[in-house]
N, C-alpha and C. Protein backbone atom coordinates (compact mmCIF):
# COMPACT_ATOMS: atom_id res chain seq x y z
N MET A 1 -17.30 -0.26 -2.74
CA MET A 1 -17.15 0.86 -3.62
C MET A 1 -15.69 0.96 -4.10
N PRO A 2 -15.48 1.38 -5.32
CA PRO A 2 -14.12 1.48 -5.84
C PRO A 2 -13.20 2.37 -5.01
N SER A 3 -13.70 3.50 -4.53
CA SER A 3 -12.84 4.39 -3.74
C SER A 3 -12.44 3.73 -2.42
N GLU A 4 -13.34 2.99 -1.81
CA GLU A 4 -13.02 2.31 -0.55
C GLU A 4 -12.02 1.19 -0.79
N ARG A 5 -12.16 0.47 -1.90
CA ARG A 5 -11.23 -0.60 -2.26
C ARG A 5 -9.83 -0.03 -2.48
N THR A 6 -9.76 1.07 -3.22
CA THR A 6 -8.48 1.72 -3.48
C THR A 6 -7.84 2.19 -2.19
N ARG A 7 -8.62 2.85 -1.36
CA ARG A 7 -8.11 3.36 -0.09
C ARG A 7 -7.60 2.21 0.79
N ALA A 8 -8.30 1.09 0.81
CA ALA A 8 -7.88 -0.05 1.62
C ALA A 8 -6.53 -0.59 1.16
N ILE A 9 -6.32 -0.66 -0.15
CA ILE A 9 -5.03 -1.14 -0.67
C ILE A 9 -3.91 -0.19 -0.29
N VAL A 10 -4.15 1.10 -0.48
CA VAL A 10 -3.12 2.10 -0.16
C VAL A 10 -2.83 2.11 1.34
N TRP A 11 -3.86 2.07 2.15
CA TRP A 11 -3.67 2.06 3.61
C TRP A 11 -2.96 0.79 4.07
N ALA A 12 -3.25 -0.34 3.45
CA ALA A 12 -2.57 -1.59 3.81
C ALA A 12 -1.08 -1.49 3.51
N GLY A 13 -0.73 -0.88 2.39
CA GLY A 13 0.69 -0.67 2.09
C GLY A 13 1.35 0.21 3.12
N GLY A 14 0.65 1.26 3.55
CA GLY A 14 1.18 2.13 4.61
C GLY A 14 1.33 1.38 5.92
N LEU A 15 0.40 0.50 6.21
CA LEU A 15 0.48 -0.30 7.44
C LEU A 15 1.71 -1.21 7.41
N LEU A 16 2.01 -1.78 6.25
CA LEU A 16 3.21 -2.63 6.13
C LEU A 16 4.47 -1.83 6.43
N ILE A 17 4.54 -0.59 5.95
CA ILE A 17 5.68 0.27 6.24
C ILE A 17 5.76 0.54 7.74
N ASP A 18 4.64 0.90 8.35
CA ASP A 18 4.62 1.18 9.78
C ASP A 18 5.08 -0.02 10.59
N ILE A 19 4.61 -1.20 10.23
CA ILE A 19 5.03 -2.42 10.95
C ILE A 19 6.52 -2.67 10.76
N ALA A 20 7.00 -2.56 9.53
CA ALA A 20 8.41 -2.83 9.24
C ALA A 20 9.35 -1.88 9.98
N ARG A 21 8.92 -0.66 10.24
CA ARG A 21 9.79 0.34 10.86
C ARG A 21 9.58 0.48 12.37
N ASP A 22 8.64 -0.26 12.94
CA ASP A 22 8.35 -0.15 14.37
C ASP A 22 9.27 -1.07 15.16
N ARG A 23 10.29 -0.51 15.76
CA ARG A 23 11.30 -1.30 16.48
C ARG A 23 10.77 -1.93 17.77
N THR A 24 9.54 -1.57 18.16
CA THR A 24 8.97 -2.19 19.36
C THR A 24 8.33 -3.54 19.04
N LEU A 25 8.16 -3.84 17.76
CA LEU A 25 7.54 -5.10 17.35
C LEU A 25 8.61 -6.18 17.17
N PRO A 26 8.22 -7.45 17.27
CA PRO A 26 9.18 -8.54 17.09
C PRO A 26 9.82 -8.49 15.69
N VAL A 27 11.10 -8.85 15.63
CA VAL A 27 11.85 -8.81 14.37
C VAL A 27 11.18 -9.70 13.32
N ALA A 28 10.69 -10.86 13.72
CA ALA A 28 10.07 -11.78 12.75
C ALA A 28 8.86 -11.12 12.07
N LEU A 29 8.07 -10.39 12.82
CA LEU A 29 6.91 -9.70 12.25
C LEU A 29 7.36 -8.58 11.32
N ARG A 30 8.36 -7.82 11.73
CA ARG A 30 8.87 -6.73 10.90
C ARG A 30 9.46 -7.27 9.61
N ARG A 31 10.17 -8.39 9.67
CA ARG A 31 10.73 -8.99 8.45
C ARG A 31 9.62 -9.48 7.53
N ARG A 32 8.60 -10.05 8.11
CA ARG A 32 7.46 -10.51 7.29
C ARG A 32 6.80 -9.33 6.57
N ALA A 33 6.67 -8.21 7.25
CA ALA A 33 6.09 -7.02 6.63
C ALA A 33 6.95 -6.54 5.46
N VAL A 34 8.28 -6.61 5.60
CA VAL A 34 9.18 -6.20 4.53
C VAL A 34 9.01 -7.12 3.32
N VAL A 35 8.94 -8.42 3.56
CA VAL A 35 8.77 -9.38 2.46
C VAL A 35 7.46 -9.14 1.72
N ILE A 36 6.40 -8.93 2.46
CA ILE A 36 5.09 -8.68 1.83
C ILE A 36 5.12 -7.35 1.07
N ALA A 37 5.71 -6.32 1.66
CA ALA A 37 5.75 -5.00 1.02
C ALA A 37 6.51 -5.03 -0.30
N ARG A 38 7.49 -5.90 -0.42
CA ARG A 38 8.26 -5.99 -1.67
C ARG A 38 7.38 -6.41 -2.85
N HIS A 39 6.29 -7.08 -2.57
CA HIS A 39 5.43 -7.59 -3.63
C HIS A 39 4.04 -6.98 -3.59
N PHE A 40 3.85 -6.00 -2.73
CA PHE A 40 2.55 -5.37 -2.56
C PHE A 40 2.43 -4.21 -3.54
N PRO A 41 1.22 -3.94 -4.05
CA PRO A 41 1.07 -2.83 -5.00
C PRO A 41 1.40 -1.47 -4.39
N THR A 42 2.21 -0.70 -5.12
CA THR A 42 2.53 0.66 -4.72
C THR A 42 1.40 1.58 -5.19
N THR A 43 1.49 2.84 -4.81
CA THR A 43 0.49 3.81 -5.27
C THR A 43 0.52 3.92 -6.80
N ASP A 44 1.72 3.79 -7.39
CA ASP A 44 1.82 3.82 -8.86
C ASP A 44 1.10 2.63 -9.47
N ASP A 45 1.27 1.45 -8.87
CA ASP A 45 0.58 0.25 -9.37
C ASP A 45 -0.93 0.41 -9.27
N VAL A 46 -1.38 0.96 -8.14
CA VAL A 46 -2.82 1.15 -7.94
C VAL A 46 -3.39 2.11 -8.98
N SER A 47 -2.65 3.18 -9.26
CA SER A 47 -3.10 4.12 -10.29
C SER A 47 -3.20 3.46 -11.65
N LEU A 48 -2.19 2.68 -12.00
CA LEU A 48 -2.23 1.97 -13.28
C LEU A 48 -3.40 1.00 -13.35
N MET A 49 -3.62 0.26 -12.26
CA MET A 49 -4.74 -0.68 -12.23
C MET A 49 -6.07 0.03 -12.33
N ALA A 50 -6.20 1.16 -11.66
CA ALA A 50 -7.46 1.92 -11.71
C ALA A 50 -7.74 2.38 -13.13
N ASN A 51 -6.71 2.86 -13.83
CA ASN A 51 -6.90 3.30 -15.21
C ASN A 51 -7.21 2.13 -16.13
N ALA A 52 -6.53 1.01 -15.94
CA ALA A 52 -6.76 -0.16 -16.79
C ALA A 52 -8.14 -0.76 -16.56
N MET A 53 -8.64 -0.68 -15.34
CA MET A 53 -9.92 -1.29 -15.00
C MET A 53 -11.12 -0.43 -15.34
N LYS A 54 -10.90 0.78 -15.82
CA LYS A 54 -12.02 1.62 -16.25
C LYS A 54 -12.81 0.94 -17.36
N GLN A 55 -12.13 0.12 -18.13
CA GLN A 55 -12.74 -0.53 -19.28
C GLN A 55 -13.53 -1.79 -18.90
N ASN A 56 -13.45 -2.20 -17.66
CA ASN A 56 -14.10 -3.43 -17.21
C ASN A 56 -15.62 -3.33 -17.33
N TRP A 57 -16.24 -4.36 -17.87
CA TRP A 57 -17.70 -4.32 -18.06
C TRP A 57 -18.45 -4.39 -16.74
N HIS A 58 -17.79 -4.78 -15.68
CA HIS A 58 -18.42 -4.78 -14.35
C HIS A 58 -18.47 -3.39 -13.74
N GLY A 59 -17.81 -2.46 -14.37
CA GLY A 59 -17.65 -1.13 -13.79
C GLY A 59 -16.29 -1.03 -13.15
N PRO A 60 -15.91 0.13 -12.67
CA PRO A 60 -14.56 0.30 -12.11
C PRO A 60 -14.38 -0.51 -10.83
N MET A 61 -13.26 -1.21 -10.76
CA MET A 61 -12.93 -1.97 -9.56
C MET A 61 -12.16 -1.10 -8.56
N LEU A 62 -11.37 -0.17 -9.10
CA LEU A 62 -10.58 0.74 -8.27
C LEU A 62 -10.85 2.17 -8.73
N ALA A 63 -10.67 3.10 -7.84
CA ALA A 63 -10.86 4.51 -8.16
C ALA A 63 -9.50 5.19 -8.27
N PRO A 64 -9.42 6.28 -9.01
CA PRO A 64 -8.16 7.04 -9.03
C PRO A 64 -7.80 7.51 -7.61
N LEU A 65 -6.51 7.58 -7.34
CA LEU A 65 -6.06 7.95 -6.00
C LEU A 65 -6.62 9.28 -5.54
N GLU A 66 -6.78 10.22 -6.46
CA GLU A 66 -7.28 11.53 -6.05
C GLU A 66 -8.73 11.49 -5.56
N GLU A 67 -9.42 10.38 -5.79
CA GLU A 67 -10.80 10.24 -5.31
C GLU A 67 -10.86 9.54 -3.95
N THR A 68 -9.71 9.29 -3.35
CA THR A 68 -9.66 8.60 -2.06
C THR A 68 -8.93 9.45 -1.04
N GLU A 69 -8.84 8.95 0.17
CA GLU A 69 -8.08 9.61 1.24
C GLU A 69 -6.76 8.87 1.42
N ALA A 70 -6.08 8.64 0.30
CA ALA A 70 -4.86 7.84 0.31
C ALA A 70 -3.73 8.46 1.12
N GLU A 71 -3.75 9.78 1.28
CA GLU A 71 -2.67 10.44 2.01
C GLU A 71 -2.66 10.07 3.49
N ASP A 72 -3.75 9.52 4.00
CA ASP A 72 -3.84 9.09 5.40
C ASP A 72 -3.39 7.64 5.55
N ALA A 73 -2.34 7.26 4.86
CA ALA A 73 -1.94 5.86 4.78
C ALA A 73 -1.10 5.37 5.95
N GLY A 74 -0.85 6.18 6.92
CA GLY A 74 -0.07 5.75 8.08
C GLY A 74 0.98 6.77 8.44
N ASP A 75 1.73 6.47 9.47
CA ASP A 75 2.74 7.40 9.98
C ASP A 75 3.83 7.70 8.96
N HIS A 76 4.15 6.72 8.12
CA HIS A 76 5.23 6.88 7.15
C HIS A 76 4.73 7.10 5.73
N GLY A 77 3.43 7.27 5.59
CA GLY A 77 2.86 7.52 4.27
C GLY A 77 2.59 6.23 3.50
N PRO A 78 2.10 6.36 2.28
CA PRO A 78 1.76 5.18 1.48
C PRO A 78 3.01 4.50 0.90
N LEU A 79 2.84 3.29 0.48
CA LEU A 79 3.91 2.52 -0.17
C LEU A 79 4.05 3.03 -1.60
N THR A 80 5.22 3.55 -1.94
CA THR A 80 5.48 4.08 -3.27
C THR A 80 6.71 3.39 -3.86
N LEU A 81 7.01 3.70 -5.10
CA LEU A 81 8.22 3.15 -5.72
C LEU A 81 9.47 3.64 -5.01
N GLN A 82 9.39 4.79 -4.35
CA GLN A 82 10.54 5.35 -3.66
C GLN A 82 10.70 4.84 -2.23
N THR A 83 9.74 4.09 -1.72
CA THR A 83 9.81 3.57 -0.36
C THR A 83 10.94 2.55 -0.27
N ARG A 84 11.80 2.75 0.69
CA ARG A 84 12.91 1.83 0.91
C ARG A 84 12.77 1.23 2.31
N LEU A 85 12.60 -0.07 2.36
CA LEU A 85 12.51 -0.77 3.63
C LEU A 85 13.73 -1.66 3.79
N GLY A 86 14.51 -1.39 4.82
CA GLY A 86 15.67 -2.22 5.09
C GLY A 86 15.26 -3.50 5.81
N TRP A 87 16.13 -4.48 5.76
CA TRP A 87 15.88 -5.75 6.42
C TRP A 87 16.10 -5.55 7.91
N PRO A 88 15.04 -5.75 8.73
CA PRO A 88 15.17 -5.55 10.18
C PRO A 88 16.17 -6.53 10.82
N GLU A 89 17.03 -5.99 11.64
CA GLU A 89 17.99 -6.79 12.38
C GLU A 89 17.52 -6.97 13.81
N ALA A 90 17.94 -8.04 14.41
CA ALA A 90 17.54 -8.34 15.79
C ALA A 90 18.12 -7.38 16.77
């Protein structure tokens, strides 16, 4: 379902933030999460994609964020344009 697909993308971005900021995890894993998060869709990207995909003949691939439970994206919230992840040090 489009809403489930949207929620999964938003929650995955939140999970990357949680991993990157969890000092109990190995530095290599936290650094990998930061690298992936830099290229992962933000909530703004997801909204743009949802609007652009409304025209798709297959039907909507993504749902607007307000139709999902995106706010439950993790301890640090969803990945947004304002999210700043520093490079984890050993």
